[in-house]
Every structure is written in C-alpha cells, then in structure tokens.
Amino acid sequence: MDSYKDLRIWQLAVDLAVDCYKITSSFPREEMFGLSAQIRRASGSIAANIAEGHGRESSGSFVQFLRIAQGSLKELETHLLIGHRVGLIERFDFETLELRCIEIGKMVRALIRSLQGNKR
C-alpha cells in the first residue's frame, strides 16, 4: 500500500463519517454543539487516525493509532445509540450505522493482529 487512501478500512471509515454528517444535519439546531458535534468529531477521528497511523511508517505506531481509531469507533457507537434513544436517529438509520461500525471494528482488529504479526 503506497497510500492510506488505498486502504479499504480507511475508505469505509470516510464513508461512515460522511453519512454521520448527513444524519446529524437533520438534528435540531440546539444539538449543533452537543450530540451532533460529538458524532461528527468521533466519526471523523476514525479515518483520521487510520491515515495518521499509516503515515508514521512503523507497525508499532500504526497499531497505536488503530487503537485510537478503535476507541473513537466505540465512542461513535455510544453517541449513535444515545441519538437513537432520544429520538434523533430513526431505528433503520441507527441499525445501519451500527452494523457499519461493527464491520469497521472487525477490520481494525484484524489489521492490528496482522501488523503485530508482521513487524515493519
């Protein structure tokens, strides 16, 4: 891989962030600096940490940033659940985003295992 942009996991994380921005655009104005901002920040952080880790060009650093991305993913899942429970995110949208988070989470864990077994 020459670029983090070639990583399928990064591409899926960017797509997830874009969809989180779309979902939160319908939130009430009073949520602009609350749950909306938290969802946007956490979703963007996933792809950003994958990219930053890849750019460090060492397996150890990449794994560290993948773990940070994993934490942001869990944070996002929590914020999405809260958004659903308070009625800001429809059930279908929540379930769709949740499944995508689970898929990306599995990919992050697999990449971590791969990198730990294959030191650069």
Protein backbone atom coordinates (compact mmCIF):
# COMPACT_ATOMS: atom_id res chain seq x y z
CA MET A 1 0.00 0.00 0.00
CA ASP A 2 1.50 3.28 -1.06
CA SER A 3 -1.22 5.46 0.41
CA TYR A 4 -3.68 5.23 3.26
CA LYS A 5 -6.28 6.11 0.62
CA ASP A 6 -5.78 2.63 -0.83
CA LEU A 7 -6.86 1.02 2.44
CA ARG A 8 -10.44 -0.30 2.26
CA ILE A 9 -10.81 0.30 6.00
CA TRP A 10 -9.98 3.99 5.55
CA GLN A 11 -12.43 4.30 2.64
CA LEU A 12 -15.23 2.74 4.71
CA ALA A 13 -14.40 4.99 7.66
CA VAL A 14 -14.64 8.10 5.46
CA ASP A 15 -17.96 6.90 4.06
CA LEU A 16 -19.22 6.36 7.61
CA ALA A 17 -18.15 9.88 8.62
CA VAL A 18 -19.90 11.39 5.60
CA ASP A 19 -23.10 9.55 6.47
CA CYS A 20 -22.83 10.67 10.10
CA TYR A 21 -22.59 14.27 8.89
CA LYS A 22 -25.70 13.71 6.76
CA ILE A 23 -27.65 12.17 9.66
CA THR A 24 -26.73 14.96 12.07
CA SER A 25 -27.66 17.67 9.57
CA SER A 26 -31.31 16.95 10.44
CA PHE A 27 -30.73 17.30 14.20
CA PRO A 28 -32.36 20.29 15.92
CA ARG A 29 -30.29 23.46 15.97
CA GLU A 30 -29.81 23.23 19.75
CA GLU A 31 -27.86 19.99 19.18
CA MET A 32 -25.29 21.70 16.95
CA PHE A 33 -22.75 21.90 19.78
CA GLY A 34 -23.99 18.80 21.61
CA LEU A 35 -24.60 15.35 20.26
CA SER A 36 -24.23 16.45 16.64
CA ALA A 37 -20.71 17.74 17.24
CA GLN A 38 -19.77 14.63 19.22
CA ILE A 39 -20.95 12.29 16.46
CA ARG A 40 -19.16 14.29 13.79
CA ARG A 41 -15.93 14.51 15.79
CA ALA A 42 -15.84 10.80 16.65
CA SER A 43 -16.71 9.65 13.12
CA GLY A 44 -14.06 11.84 11.52
CA SER A 45 -11.49 10.72 14.05
CA ILE A 46 -11.71 7.09 12.92
CA ALA A 47 -10.49 7.73 9.38
CA ALA A 48 -8.07 10.44 10.51
CA ASN A 49 -6.31 8.11 12.94
CA ILE A 50 -6.06 5.35 10.36
CA ALA A 51 -4.44 7.81 7.96
CA GLU A 52 -2.10 9.25 10.59
CA GLY A 53 -1.01 5.80 11.76
CA HIS A 54 -0.30 4.70 8.20
CA GLY A 55 1.77 7.83 7.67
CA ARG A 56 4.03 7.04 10.62
CA GLU A 57 5.56 4.19 8.60
CA SER A 58 6.15 1.84 11.53
CA SER A 59 3.98 -1.04 12.61
CA GLY A 60 4.08 -0.06 16.26
CA SER A 61 2.89 3.47 15.58
CA PHE A 62 0.26 2.26 13.14
CA VAL A 63 -1.11 -0.16 15.75
CA GLN A 64 -1.21 2.65 18.32
CA PHE A 65 -3.25 4.87 16.00
CA LEU A 66 -5.51 1.97 15.04
CA ARG A 67 -6.28 1.51 18.73
CA ILE A 68 -7.15 5.19 18.97
CA ALA A 69 -9.41 4.76 15.92
CA GLN A 70 -10.99 1.79 17.69
CA GLY A 71 -11.70 3.98 20.72
CA SER A 72 -13.28 6.64 18.51
CA LEU A 73 -15.40 3.93 16.91
CA LYS A 74 -16.74 2.87 20.31
CA GLU A 75 -17.36 6.50 21.19
CA LEU A 76 -19.30 6.93 17.95
CA GLU A 77 -21.39 3.81 18.61
CA THR A 78 -22.31 5.21 22.02
CA HIS A 79 -23.29 8.61 20.66
CA LEU A 80 -25.37 6.99 17.91
CA LEU A 81 -27.18 4.86 20.50
CA ILE A 82 -27.92 7.93 22.59
CA GLY A 83 -29.15 9.75 19.49
CA HIS A 84 -31.45 6.84 18.72
CA ARG A 85 -32.76 6.55 22.27
CA VAL A 86 -33.62 10.24 22.49
CA GLY A 87 -35.39 10.10 19.14
CA LEU A 88 -32.91 11.98 16.96
CA ILE A 89 -31.90 8.97 14.86
CA GLU A 90 -34.51 6.68 13.32
CA ARG A 91 -34.25 2.96 14.05
CA PHE A 92 -33.31 1.97 10.49
CA ASP A 93 -30.58 4.62 10.28
CA PHE A 94 -29.22 3.65 13.70
CA GLU A 95 -29.14 -0.06 12.87
CA THR A 96 -27.48 0.60 9.51
CA LEU A 97 -24.78 2.80 11.06
CA GLU A 98 -24.30 0.36 13.93
CA LEU A 99 -23.69 -2.53 11.51
CA ARG A 100 -21.14 -0.45 9.64
CA CYS A 101 -19.38 0.38 12.90
CA ILE A 102 -19.24 -3.32 13.75
CA GLU A 103 -17.80 -4.12 10.30
CA ILE A 104 -15.12 -1.43 10.61
CA GLY A 105 -14.34 -2.56 14.15
CA LYS A 106 -13.69 -6.11 12.91
CA MET A 107 -11.44 -4.74 10.19
CA VAL A 108 -9.49 -2.62 12.70
CA ARG A 109 -8.94 -5.63 14.96
CA ALA A 110 -7.85 -7.80 12.00
CA LEU A 111 -5.42 -5.14 10.81
CA ILE A 112 -3.96 -4.78 14.30
CA ARG A 113 -3.44 -8.56 14.51
CA SER A 114 -1.87 -8.56 11.05
CA LEU A 115 0.53 -5.73 11.88
CA GLN A 116 1.52 -7.29 15.19
CA GLY A 117 2.42 -10.50 13.39
CA ASN A 118 4.22 -8.66 10.60
CA LYS A 119 6.58 -6.02 12.03
CA ARG A 120 7.77 -3.40 9.53
